[in-house]
C-alpha cells in the first residue's frame, strides 16, 4: 500500500517537475546542490544516482509524450485525408444536420484537423457524424 502511494506521489511530482524544469534547469540546480552541500555530510552515491535517474526518466517521458502527440496528429490527418472526395454529415450552426463533399483536409498549428467542403464550409474532424 505504501509503495502504491509513493508511486502515485512520484508520478505527480514527476509531472509537476516536467512542466516547470527542463534539463538545463535541473543541471543548474544539481550543480548548486553539490557546490553548497555540507562537506561533513556529503550526498551519498545512491542519492546522487537517484536524482540523475529521475531526471533521465523525466526526459524520457517528455520525449515519449512528444512522439505520441506527433503520431496522433498524423493519424488524424490520415483519417481526414481519407474523407476527401466523400460526402460527410455534420451538425450545422442552426442545429440541423448538413452534408457536403470534402475537398480538402488541413491541420492548424495546434494540431486541430478541419475539413473544407465543396461549399466552402470548414468542419472540424471531431464533429463529423457520418460518411457516405
N, C-alpha and C. Protein backbone atom coordinates (compact mmCIF):
# COMPACT_ATOMS: atom_id res chain seq x y z
N UNK A 1 0.83 -1.19 0.00
CA UNK A 1 0.00 0.00 0.00
C UNK A 1 0.87 1.25 0.00
N UNK A 2 1.90 1.26 0.82
CA UNK A 2 2.78 2.41 0.90
C UNK A 2 3.49 2.64 -0.43
N UNK A 3 3.93 1.56 -1.07
CA UNK A 3 4.62 1.72 -2.35
C UNK A 3 3.68 2.25 -3.43
N UNK A 4 2.40 1.88 -3.39
CA UNK A 4 1.44 2.39 -4.36
C UNK A 4 1.24 3.89 -4.17
N UNK A 5 1.16 4.32 -2.91
CA UNK A 5 1.02 5.75 -2.63
C UNK A 5 2.27 6.49 -3.06
N UNK A 6 3.44 5.92 -2.75
CA UNK A 6 4.70 6.55 -3.15
C UNK A 6 4.80 6.65 -4.66
N UNK A 7 4.38 5.62 -5.38
CA UNK A 7 4.43 5.65 -6.84
C UNK A 7 3.53 6.74 -7.38
N UNK A 8 2.34 6.87 -6.81
CA UNK A 8 1.42 7.91 -7.26
C UNK A 8 1.98 9.29 -6.96
N UNK A 9 2.57 9.46 -5.79
CA UNK A 9 3.16 10.74 -5.44
C UNK A 9 4.35 11.06 -6.35
N UNK A 10 5.18 10.05 -6.65
CA UNK A 10 6.31 10.26 -7.55
C UNK A 10 5.83 10.64 -8.95
N UNK A 11 4.75 10.02 -9.41
CA UNK A 11 4.21 10.34 -10.73
C UNK A 11 3.73 11.79 -10.77
N UNK A 12 3.03 12.21 -9.69
CA UNK A 12 2.56 13.59 -9.64
C UNK A 12 3.72 14.56 -9.57
N UNK A 13 4.75 14.23 -8.78
CA UNK A 13 5.93 15.08 -8.66
C UNK A 13 6.66 15.15 -10.00
N UNK A 14 6.81 14.02 -10.65
CA UNK A 14 7.48 13.99 -11.95
C UNK A 14 6.74 14.86 -12.95
N UNK A 15 5.41 14.76 -12.96
CA UNK A 15 4.61 15.58 -13.87
C UNK A 15 4.77 17.06 -13.56
N UNK A 16 4.77 17.41 -12.29
CA UNK A 16 4.93 18.81 -11.90
C UNK A 16 6.31 19.33 -12.27
N UNK A 17 7.34 18.55 -11.99
CA UNK A 17 8.70 18.95 -12.31
C UNK A 17 8.86 19.11 -13.81
N UNK A 18 8.29 18.17 -14.56
CA UNK A 18 8.43 18.20 -16.02
C UNK A 18 7.84 19.48 -16.60
N UNK A 19 6.76 19.97 -16.02
CA UNK A 19 6.14 21.15 -16.58
C UNK A 19 6.89 22.43 -16.22
N UNK A 20 7.76 22.39 -15.20
CA UNK A 20 8.46 23.58 -14.78
C UNK A 20 9.95 23.58 -15.10
N UNK A 21 10.57 22.42 -15.14
CA UNK A 21 12.01 22.35 -15.31
C UNK A 21 12.38 21.63 -16.60
N UNK A 22 13.44 22.10 -17.22
CA UNK A 22 14.00 21.38 -18.34
C UNK A 22 15.36 20.84 -17.91
N UNK A 23 16.06 20.20 -18.79
CA UNK A 23 17.36 19.58 -18.45
C UNK A 23 18.37 20.61 -17.97
N UNK A 24 18.40 21.76 -18.61
CA UNK A 24 19.34 22.79 -18.23
C UNK A 24 19.07 23.28 -16.80
N UNK A 25 17.78 23.51 -16.48
CA UNK A 25 17.42 23.94 -15.12
C UNK A 25 17.83 22.90 -14.10
N UNK A 26 17.59 21.64 -14.42
CA UNK A 26 17.96 20.56 -13.50
C UNK A 26 19.47 20.57 -13.24
N UNK A 27 20.26 20.69 -14.29
CA UNK A 27 21.71 20.68 -14.12
C UNK A 27 22.19 21.87 -13.30
N UNK A 28 21.58 23.04 -13.48
CA UNK A 28 21.95 24.21 -12.68
C UNK A 28 21.64 23.96 -11.20
N UNK A 29 20.45 23.45 -10.92
CA UNK A 29 20.08 23.17 -9.53
C UNK A 29 20.96 22.07 -8.92
N UNK A 30 21.22 21.05 -9.71
CA UNK A 30 22.01 19.93 -9.24
C UNK A 30 23.44 20.38 -8.92
N UNK A 31 24.02 21.20 -9.79
CA UNK A 31 25.37 21.71 -9.58
C UNK A 31 25.42 22.59 -8.33
N UNK A 32 24.42 23.44 -8.16
CA UNK A 32 24.37 24.29 -6.96
C UNK A 32 24.24 23.44 -5.71
N UNK A 33 23.44 22.39 -5.77
CA UNK A 33 23.27 21.49 -4.62
C UNK A 33 24.60 20.84 -4.25
N UNK A 34 25.35 20.39 -5.25
CA UNK A 34 26.65 19.77 -4.98
C UNK A 34 27.65 20.80 -4.44
N UNK A 35 27.60 21.99 -4.97
CA UNK A 35 28.53 23.04 -4.57
C UNK A 35 28.32 23.47 -3.12
N UNK A 36 27.06 23.55 -2.70
CA UNK A 36 26.76 24.07 -1.38
C UNK A 36 26.41 23.00 -0.35
N UNK A 37 26.66 21.75 -0.68
CA UNK A 37 26.36 20.70 0.29
C UNK A 37 27.34 20.75 1.47
N UNK A 38 26.93 20.24 2.58
CA UNK A 38 27.76 20.20 3.78
C UNK A 38 28.90 19.21 3.54
N UNK A 39 30.17 19.67 3.57
CA UNK A 39 31.28 18.75 3.31
C UNK A 39 31.40 17.65 4.36
N UNK A 40 30.83 17.88 5.54
CA UNK A 40 30.89 16.87 6.60
C UNK A 40 29.83 15.79 6.39
N UNK A 41 28.79 16.11 5.60
CA UNK A 41 27.72 15.15 5.31
C UNK A 41 27.40 15.21 3.81
N UNK A 42 28.32 14.78 2.96
CA UNK A 42 28.06 14.87 1.51
C UNK A 42 26.93 13.93 1.08
N UNK A 43 26.38 14.24 -0.07
CA UNK A 43 25.33 13.41 -0.64
C UNK A 43 25.89 12.02 -0.93
N UNK A 44 25.10 11.01 -0.62
CA UNK A 44 25.57 9.64 -0.88
C UNK A 44 25.48 9.35 -2.37
N UNK A 45 26.23 8.34 -2.79
CA UNK A 45 26.21 7.94 -4.20
C UNK A 45 24.81 7.52 -4.64
N UNK A 46 24.09 6.84 -3.74
CA UNK A 46 22.75 6.38 -4.11
C UNK A 46 21.80 7.57 -4.30
N UNK A 47 21.92 8.61 -3.45
CA UNK A 47 21.09 9.80 -3.62
C UNK A 47 21.42 10.50 -4.94
N UNK A 48 22.70 10.59 -5.22
CA UNK A 48 23.15 11.21 -6.46
C UNK A 48 22.60 10.47 -7.67
N UNK A 49 22.73 9.16 -7.67
CA UNK A 49 22.25 8.36 -8.80
C UNK A 49 20.72 8.42 -8.90
N UNK A 50 20.05 8.49 -7.76
CA UNK A 50 18.59 8.57 -7.78
C UNK A 50 18.14 9.87 -8.45
N UNK A 51 18.80 10.98 -8.14
CA UNK A 51 18.42 12.26 -8.75
C UNK A 51 18.70 12.26 -10.25
N UNK A 52 19.84 11.73 -10.64
CA UNK A 52 20.17 11.66 -12.06
C UNK A 52 19.17 10.74 -12.78
N UNK A 53 18.82 9.64 -12.15
CA UNK A 53 17.85 8.71 -12.74
C UNK A 53 16.48 9.35 -12.89
N UNK A 54 16.07 10.15 -11.91
CA UNK A 54 14.77 10.82 -12.01
C UNK A 54 14.76 11.80 -13.18
N UNK A 55 15.84 12.53 -13.36
CA UNK A 55 15.90 13.47 -14.47
C UNK A 55 15.87 12.73 -15.80
N UNK A 56 16.56 11.61 -15.87
CA UNK A 56 16.54 10.80 -17.08
C UNK A 56 15.12 10.32 -17.38
N UNK A 57 14.42 9.87 -16.34
CA UNK A 57 13.03 9.42 -16.52
C UNK A 57 12.14 10.55 -17.01
N UNK A 58 12.31 11.74 -16.44
CA UNK A 58 11.51 12.89 -16.84
C UNK A 58 11.76 13.20 -18.31
N UNK A 59 13.02 13.17 -18.72
CA UNK A 59 13.36 13.47 -20.12
C UNK A 59 12.76 12.42 -21.06
N UNK A 60 12.82 11.16 -20.65
CA UNK A 60 12.27 10.08 -21.48
C UNK A 60 10.75 10.22 -21.61
N UNK A 61 10.08 10.57 -20.52
CA UNK A 61 8.63 10.75 -20.56
C UNK A 61 8.28 11.91 -21.46
N UNK A 62 9.04 12.99 -21.37
CA UNK A 62 8.79 14.16 -22.22
C UNK A 62 8.97 13.81 -23.70
N UNK A 63 10.03 13.07 -24.02
CA UNK A 63 10.26 12.66 -25.40
C UNK A 63 9.14 11.74 -25.90
N UNK A 64 8.72 10.82 -25.06
CA UNK A 64 7.67 9.88 -25.44
C UNK A 64 6.35 10.62 -25.66
N UNK A 65 6.06 11.61 -24.82
CA UNK A 65 4.84 12.40 -24.97
C UNK A 65 4.84 13.15 -26.29
N UNK A 66 5.99 13.73 -26.64
CA UNK A 66 6.10 14.45 -27.92
C UNK A 66 5.88 13.52 -29.11
N UNK A 67 6.48 12.34 -29.04
CA UNK A 67 6.34 11.38 -30.14
C UNK A 67 4.91 10.87 -30.25
N UNK A 68 4.26 10.63 -29.13
CA UNK A 68 2.88 10.17 -29.14
C UNK A 68 1.97 11.24 -29.72
N UNK A 69 2.21 12.48 -29.35
CA UNK A 69 1.42 13.59 -29.88
C UNK A 69 1.57 13.69 -31.39
N UNK A 70 2.79 13.57 -31.89
CA UNK A 70 3.03 13.62 -33.34
C UNK A 70 2.34 12.46 -34.04
N UNK A 71 2.35 11.29 -33.43
CA UNK A 71 1.69 10.12 -34.01
C UNK A 71 0.18 10.33 -34.08
N UNK A 72 -0.40 10.87 -33.02
CA UNK A 72 -1.84 11.13 -33.01
C UNK A 72 -2.22 12.18 -34.06
N UNK A 73 -1.38 13.22 -34.20
CA UNK A 73 -1.63 14.22 -35.23
C UNK A 73 -1.61 13.58 -36.62
N UNK A 74 -0.63 12.73 -36.85
CA UNK A 74 -0.52 12.04 -38.13
C UNK A 74 -1.72 11.15 -38.40
N UNK A 75 -2.19 10.46 -37.37
CA UNK A 75 -3.37 9.60 -37.53
C UNK A 75 -4.61 10.43 -37.87
N UNK A 76 -4.75 11.58 -37.23
CA UNK A 76 -5.90 12.45 -37.51
C UNK A 76 -5.87 12.94 -38.95
N UNK A 77 -4.69 13.34 -39.42
CA UNK A 77 -4.58 13.81 -40.80
C UNK A 77 -4.85 12.67 -41.79
N UNK A 78 -4.37 11.48 -41.46
CA UNK A 78 -4.61 10.33 -42.32
C UNK A 78 -6.11 10.05 -42.41
N UNK A 79 -6.78 10.09 -41.28
CA UNK A 79 -8.22 9.88 -41.25
C UNK A 79 -8.94 10.95 -42.06
N UNK A 80 -8.53 12.21 -41.88
CA UNK A 80 -9.18 13.31 -42.60
C UNK A 80 -8.93 13.21 -44.10
N UNK A 81 -7.71 12.87 -44.50
CA UNK A 81 -7.41 12.79 -45.93
C UNK A 81 -8.21 11.68 -46.60
N UNK A 82 -8.56 10.66 -45.84
CA UNK A 82 -9.38 9.58 -46.37
C UNK A 82 -10.82 10.01 -46.65
N UNK A 83 -11.22 11.16 -46.13
CA UNK A 83 -12.58 11.67 -46.35
C UNK A 83 -12.68 12.55 -47.59
N UNK A 84 -11.53 12.94 -48.16
CA UNK A 84 -11.55 13.78 -49.36
C UNK A 84 -12.24 13.01 -50.49
N UNK A 85 -13.19 13.68 -51.13
CA UNK A 85 -13.95 13.05 -52.21
C UNK A 85 -15.19 12.33 -51.73
N UNK A 86 -15.41 12.33 -50.42
CA UNK A 86 -16.60 11.69 -49.85
C UNK A 86 -17.53 12.76 -49.26
N UNK A 87 -18.79 12.41 -49.18
CA UNK A 87 -19.77 13.30 -48.56
C UNK A 87 -19.79 12.99 -47.06
N UNK A 88 -19.66 14.04 -46.25
CA UNK A 88 -19.72 13.87 -44.80
C UNK A 88 -20.99 14.51 -44.25
N UNK A 89 -21.41 14.00 -43.11
CA UNK A 89 -22.56 14.57 -42.40
C UNK A 89 -22.04 15.23 -41.15
N UNK A 90 -22.56 16.43 -40.85
CA UNK A 90 -22.07 17.19 -39.71
C UNK A 90 -23.17 18.12 -39.20
N UNK A 91 -23.12 18.50 -37.93
CA UNK A 91 -24.13 19.43 -37.40
C UNK A 91 -23.88 20.85 -37.90
N UNK A 92 -24.95 21.51 -38.31
CA UNK A 92 -24.88 22.89 -38.76
C UNK A 92 -25.06 23.80 -37.53
N UNK A 93 -24.67 25.07 -37.65
CA UNK A 93 -24.83 26.00 -36.53
C UNK A 93 -26.27 26.14 -36.03
N UNK A 94 -27.25 25.94 -36.92
CA UNK A 94 -28.65 26.07 -36.50
C UNK A 94 -29.20 24.78 -35.86
N UNK A 95 -28.34 23.76 -35.72
CA UNK A 95 -28.75 22.52 -35.07
C UNK A 95 -29.19 21.42 -36.00
N UNK A 96 -29.40 21.73 -37.28
CA UNK A 96 -29.78 20.70 -38.25
C UNK A 96 -28.52 19.98 -38.71
N UNK A 97 -28.71 18.86 -39.38
CA UNK A 97 -27.59 18.12 -39.94
C UNK A 97 -27.34 18.57 -41.37
N UNK A 98 -26.08 18.79 -41.68
CA UNK A 98 -25.71 19.16 -43.04
C UNK A 98 -24.90 18.04 -43.67
N UNK A 99 -24.79 18.09 -44.98
CA UNK A 99 -23.99 17.11 -45.72
C UNK A 99 -23.34 17.83 -46.89
N UNK A 100 -22.07 17.52 -47.13
CA UNK A 100 -21.36 18.17 -48.22
C UNK A 100 -20.14 17.32 -48.58
N UNK A 101 -19.62 17.57 -49.78
CA UNK A 101 -18.46 16.86 -50.31
C UNK A 101 -17.18 17.49 -49.74
N UNK A 102 -16.27 16.67 -49.24
CA UNK A 102 -15.00 17.15 -48.71
C UNK A 102 -14.01 17.35 -49.85
N UNK A 103 -13.40 18.54 -49.88
CA UNK A 103 -12.42 18.85 -50.93
C UNK A 103 -11.00 19.01 -50.39
N UNK A 104 -10.88 19.21 -49.08
CA UNK A 104 -9.55 19.50 -48.52
C UNK A 104 -9.52 19.15 -47.04
N UNK A 105 -8.35 18.75 -46.56
CA UNK A 105 -8.12 18.50 -45.13
C UNK A 105 -6.92 19.33 -44.70
N UNK A 106 -7.04 20.00 -43.54
CA UNK A 106 -5.96 20.85 -43.04
C UNK A 106 -5.76 20.62 -41.54
N UNK A 107 -4.53 20.91 -41.10
CA UNK A 107 -4.23 20.88 -39.67
C UNK A 107 -3.68 22.24 -39.28
N UNK A 108 -4.23 22.84 -38.22
CA UNK A 108 -3.71 24.13 -37.78
C UNK A 108 -2.50 23.92 -36.87
N UNK A 109 -1.93 25.00 -36.40
CA UNK A 109 -0.73 24.95 -35.57
C UNK A 109 -0.93 24.26 -34.23
N UNK A 110 -2.17 24.10 -33.81
CA UNK A 110 -2.47 23.44 -32.53
C UNK A 110 -2.83 21.97 -32.70
N UNK A 111 -2.71 21.45 -33.91
CA UNK A 111 -2.99 20.04 -34.15
C UNK A 111 -4.46 19.74 -34.41
N UNK A 112 -5.29 20.76 -34.54
CA UNK A 112 -6.71 20.54 -34.84
C UNK A 112 -6.88 20.34 -36.35
N UNK A 113 -7.61 19.30 -36.70
CA UNK A 113 -7.82 18.97 -38.11
C UNK A 113 -9.21 19.43 -38.51
N UNK A 114 -9.26 20.09 -39.68
CA UNK A 114 -10.55 20.52 -40.21
C UNK A 114 -10.65 20.10 -41.67
N UNK A 115 -11.87 19.96 -42.10
CA UNK A 115 -12.18 19.57 -43.48
C UNK A 115 -12.86 20.75 -44.16
N UNK A 116 -12.50 21.01 -45.41
CA UNK A 116 -13.17 22.05 -46.19
C UNK A 116 -14.08 21.35 -47.17
N UNK A 117 -15.31 21.85 -47.24
CA UNK A 117 -16.29 21.22 -48.12
C UNK A 117 -16.41 21.99 -49.43
N UNK A 118 -17.10 21.39 -50.38
CA UNK A 118 -17.29 21.98 -51.70
C UNK A 118 -17.93 23.36 -51.62
N UNK A 119 -18.81 23.55 -50.65
CA UNK A 119 -19.48 24.86 -50.50
C UNK A 119 -18.64 25.84 -49.67
N UNK A 120 -17.43 25.44 -49.28
CA UNK A 120 -16.54 26.35 -48.56
C UNK A 120 -16.64 26.31 -47.05
N UNK A 121 -17.45 25.42 -46.53
CA UNK A 121 -17.58 25.30 -45.07
C UNK A 121 -16.34 24.63 -44.49
N UNK A 122 -15.97 25.04 -43.29
CA UNK A 122 -14.88 24.39 -42.56
C UNK A 122 -15.51 23.57 -41.45
N UNK A 123 -15.26 22.27 -41.46
CA UNK A 123 -15.88 21.35 -40.50
C UNK A 123 -14.76 20.67 -39.70
N UNK A 124 -14.83 20.76 -38.38
CA UNK A 124 -13.85 20.09 -37.54
C UNK A 124 -13.99 18.58 -37.67
N UNK A 125 -12.87 17.89 -37.71
CA UNK A 125 -12.89 16.43 -37.86
C UNK A 125 -13.72 15.77 -36.76
N UNK A 126 -13.61 16.31 -35.55
CA UNK A 126 -14.33 15.69 -34.43
C UNK A 126 -15.84 15.87 -34.50
N UNK A 127 -16.32 16.77 -35.38
CA UNK A 127 -17.77 16.99 -35.48
C UNK A 127 -18.42 16.16 -36.58
N UNK A 128 -17.64 15.45 -37.36
CA UNK A 128 -18.20 14.62 -38.44
C UNK A 128 -19.02 13.50 -37.81
N UNK A 129 -20.26 13.37 -38.26
CA UNK A 129 -21.17 12.35 -37.70
C UNK A 129 -21.38 11.17 -38.63
N UNK A 130 -20.98 11.32 -39.89
CA UNK A 130 -21.14 10.21 -40.82
C UNK A 130 -20.43 10.48 -42.13
N UNK A 131 -20.16 9.39 -42.86
CA UNK A 131 -19.51 9.49 -44.18
C UNK A 131 -20.33 8.66 -45.15
N UNK A 132 -20.59 9.20 -46.30
CA UNK A 132 -21.35 8.46 -47.32
C UNK A 132 -20.44 8.03 -48.44
